Amino acid sequence: MHLPLGLLFWYLILMAKSIVFDTRKRPPGRPAVGSTGIMVRMPPSDLAALDKWIARQPGEMTRPQALRAMMAMVVELGLKAKGK
């Protein structure tokens, strides 16, 4: 480097502060959230039925939220049918 001695001194001090060494290893990808992601492929007729069901529900709902709500209802109905 061809900096005057005073600038070289400050350059080294400022650059040393800007370099951070993080020795912790982080796993690649998104952080864990305590759930398992699944991908579901649906034919257009099933998606249309799902969207129609969503439109009849109160408030805004996404397709994943709708599928979770439907699954909860089915599980609840199954438990009632078994008498538990």
C-alpha atoms as a PDB file:
ATOM      1  CA  MET A   1       0.000   0.000   0.000  1.00  0.00           C
ATOM      2  CA  HIS A   2       1.114   3.453  -0.784  1.00  0.00           C
ATOM      3  CA  LEU A   3      -0.585   5.458   1.938  1.00  0.00           C
ATOM      4  CA  PRO A   4       1.073   8.022   4.152  1.00  0.00           C
ATOM      5  CA  LEU A   5       2.055   6.580   7.521  1.00  0.00           C
ATOM      6  CA  GLY A   6      -0.772   8.319   9.439  1.00  0.00           C
ATOM      7  CA  LEU A   7      -3.451   7.131   6.988  1.00  0.00           C
ATOM      8  CA  LEU A   8      -2.013   3.631   6.943  1.00  0.00           C
ATOM      9  CA  PHE A   9      -2.292   3.501  10.754  1.00  0.00           C
ATOM     10  CA  TRP A  10      -5.979   4.544  10.717  1.00  0.00           C
ATOM     11  CA  TYR A  11      -6.713   2.314   7.753  1.00  0.00           C
ATOM     12  CA  LEU A  12      -5.427  -0.740   9.630  1.00  0.00           C
ATOM     13  CA  ILE A  13      -7.403   0.148  12.773  1.00  0.00           C
ATOM     14  CA  LEU A  14     -10.675   0.758  10.897  1.00  0.00           C
ATOM     15  CA  MET A  15     -10.323  -2.334   8.728  1.00  0.00           C
ATOM     16  CA  ALA A  16      -9.574  -4.528  11.748  1.00  0.00           C
ATOM     17  CA  LYS A  17     -12.873  -3.419  13.303  1.00  0.00           C
ATOM     18  CA  SER A  18     -14.844  -4.115  10.142  1.00  0.00           C
ATOM     19  CA  ILE A  19     -13.691  -7.723   9.840  1.00  0.00           C
ATOM     20  CA  VAL A  20     -15.640 -10.036  12.119  1.00  0.00           C
ATOM     21  CA  PHE A  21     -14.623 -13.630  12.585  1.00  0.00           C
ATOM     22  CA  ASP A  22     -17.567 -15.853  13.389  1.00  0.00           C
ATOM     23  CA  THR A  23     -16.312 -19.337  14.154  1.00  0.00           C
ATOM     24  CA  ARG A  24     -19.763 -20.818  14.784  1.00  0.00           C
ATOM     25  CA  LYS A  25     -20.954 -23.177  12.082  1.00  0.00           C
ATOM     26  CA  ARG A  26     -24.495 -22.603  10.923  1.00  0.00           C
ATOM     27  CA  PRO A  27     -26.437 -25.261   9.085  1.00  0.00           C
ATOM     28  CA  PRO A  28     -27.453 -24.345   5.545  1.00  0.00           C
ATOM     29  CA  GLY A  29     -31.027 -23.449   4.725  1.00  0.00           C
ATOM     30  CA  ARG A  30     -33.894 -22.037   6.704  1.00  0.00           C
ATOM     31  CA  PRO A  31     -33.917 -22.319  10.503  1.00  0.00           C
ATOM     32  CA  ALA A  32     -35.966 -25.111  12.043  1.00  0.00           C
ATOM     33  CA  VAL A  33     -39.513 -24.185  13.045  1.00  0.00           C
ATOM     34  CA  GLY A  34     -40.659 -27.474  14.545  1.00  0.00           C
ATOM     35  CA  SER A  35     -42.689 -28.668  11.576  1.00  0.00           C
ATOM     36  CA  THR A  36     -42.236 -30.705   8.423  1.00  0.00           C
ATOM     37  CA  GLY A  37     -42.905 -29.186   5.039  1.00  0.00           C
ATOM     38  CA  ILE A  38     -44.806 -31.228   2.481  1.00  0.00           C
ATOM     39  CA  MET A  39     -45.591 -30.556  -1.142  1.00  0.00           C
ATOM     40  CA  VAL A  40     -49.010 -31.462  -2.440  1.00  0.00           C
ATOM     41  CA  ARG A  41     -49.867 -31.625  -6.124  1.00  0.00           C
ATOM     42  CA  MET A  42     -53.536 -31.178  -6.897  1.00  0.00           C
ATOM     43  CA  PRO A  43     -55.443 -31.336 -10.171  1.00  0.00           C
ATOM     44  CA  PRO A  44     -57.133 -28.107 -11.313  1.00  0.00           C
ATOM     45  CA  SER A  45     -60.581 -29.419 -10.328  1.00  0.00           C
ATOM     46  CA  ASP A  46     -59.439 -29.967  -6.720  1.00  0.00           C
ATOM     47  CA  LEU A  47     -57.824 -26.512  -6.611  1.00  0.00           C
ATOM     48  CA  ALA A  48     -61.041 -24.971  -7.903  1.00  0.00           C
ATOM     49  CA  ALA A  49     -63.009 -26.763  -5.170  1.00  0.00           C
ATOM     50  CA  LEU A  50     -60.497 -25.606  -2.555  1.00  0.00           C
ATOM     51  CA  ASP A  51     -60.702 -22.000  -3.774  1.00  0.00           C
ATOM     52  CA  LYS A  52     -64.516 -22.193  -3.728  1.00  0.00           C
ATOM     53  CA  TRP A  53     -64.413 -23.462  -0.109  1.00  0.00           C
ATOM     54  CA  ILE A  54     -62.006 -20.653   0.833  1.00  0.00           C
ATOM     55  CA  ALA A  55     -64.360 -18.067  -0.700  1.00  0.00           C
ATOM     56  CA  ARG A  56     -67.203 -19.303   1.563  1.00  0.00           C
ATOM     57  CA  GLN A  57     -65.115 -18.951   4.728  1.00  0.00           C
ATOM     58  CA  PRO A  58     -65.165 -15.762   6.811  1.00  0.00           C
ATOM     59  CA  GLY A  59     -62.036 -13.617   6.503  1.00  0.00           C
ATOM     60  CA  GLU A  60     -58.928 -14.025   4.390  1.00  0.00           C
ATOM     61  CA  MET A  61     -57.434 -17.494   4.118  1.00  0.00           C
ATOM     62  CA  THR A  62     -54.556 -18.885   2.080  1.00  0.00           C
ATOM     63  CA  ARG A  63     -54.563 -22.331   0.502  1.00  0.00           C
ATOM     64  CA  PRO A  64     -52.172 -23.762   3.140  1.00  0.00           C
ATOM     65  CA  GLN A  65     -54.328 -22.307   5.917  1.00  0.00           C
ATOM     66  CA  ALA A  66     -57.422 -23.785   4.290  1.00  0.00           C
ATOM     67  CA  LEU A  67     -55.855 -27.233   4.019  1.00  0.00           C
ATOM     68  CA  ARG A  68     -54.824 -27.105   7.694  1.00  0.00           C
ATOM     69  CA  ALA A  69     -58.356 -26.026   8.700  1.00  0.00           C
ATOM     70  CA  MET A  70     -59.916 -28.815   6.638  1.00  0.00           C
ATOM     71  CA  MET A  71     -57.545 -31.367   8.130  1.00  0.00           C
ATOM     72  CA  ALA A  72     -58.405 -30.208  11.662  1.00  0.00           C
ATOM     73  CA  MET A  73     -62.119 -30.554  10.903  1.00  0.00           C
ATOM     74  CA  VAL A  74     -61.672 -34.058   9.476  1.00  0.00           C
ATOM     75  CA  VAL A  75     -59.651 -35.176  12.498  1.00  0.00           C
ATOM     76  CA  GLU A  76     -62.255 -33.722  14.851  1.00  0.00           C
ATOM     77  CA  LEU A  77     -65.088 -35.446  12.977  1.00  0.00           C
ATOM     78  CA  GLY A  78     -63.176 -38.731  13.066  1.00  0.00           C
ATOM     79  CA  LEU A  79     -62.691 -38.478  16.830  1.00  0.00           C
ATOM     80  CA  LYS A  80     -66.401 -37.692  17.330  1.00  0.00           C
ATOM     81  CA  ALA A  81     -67.362 -40.669  15.176  1.00  0.00           C
ATOM     82  CA  LYS A  82     -65.201 -42.958  17.316  1.00  0.00           C
ATOM     83  CA  GLY A  83     -66.786 -41.526  20.466  1.00  0.00           C
ATOM     84  CA  LYS A  84     -63.620 -40.080  21.977  1.00  0.00           C
END
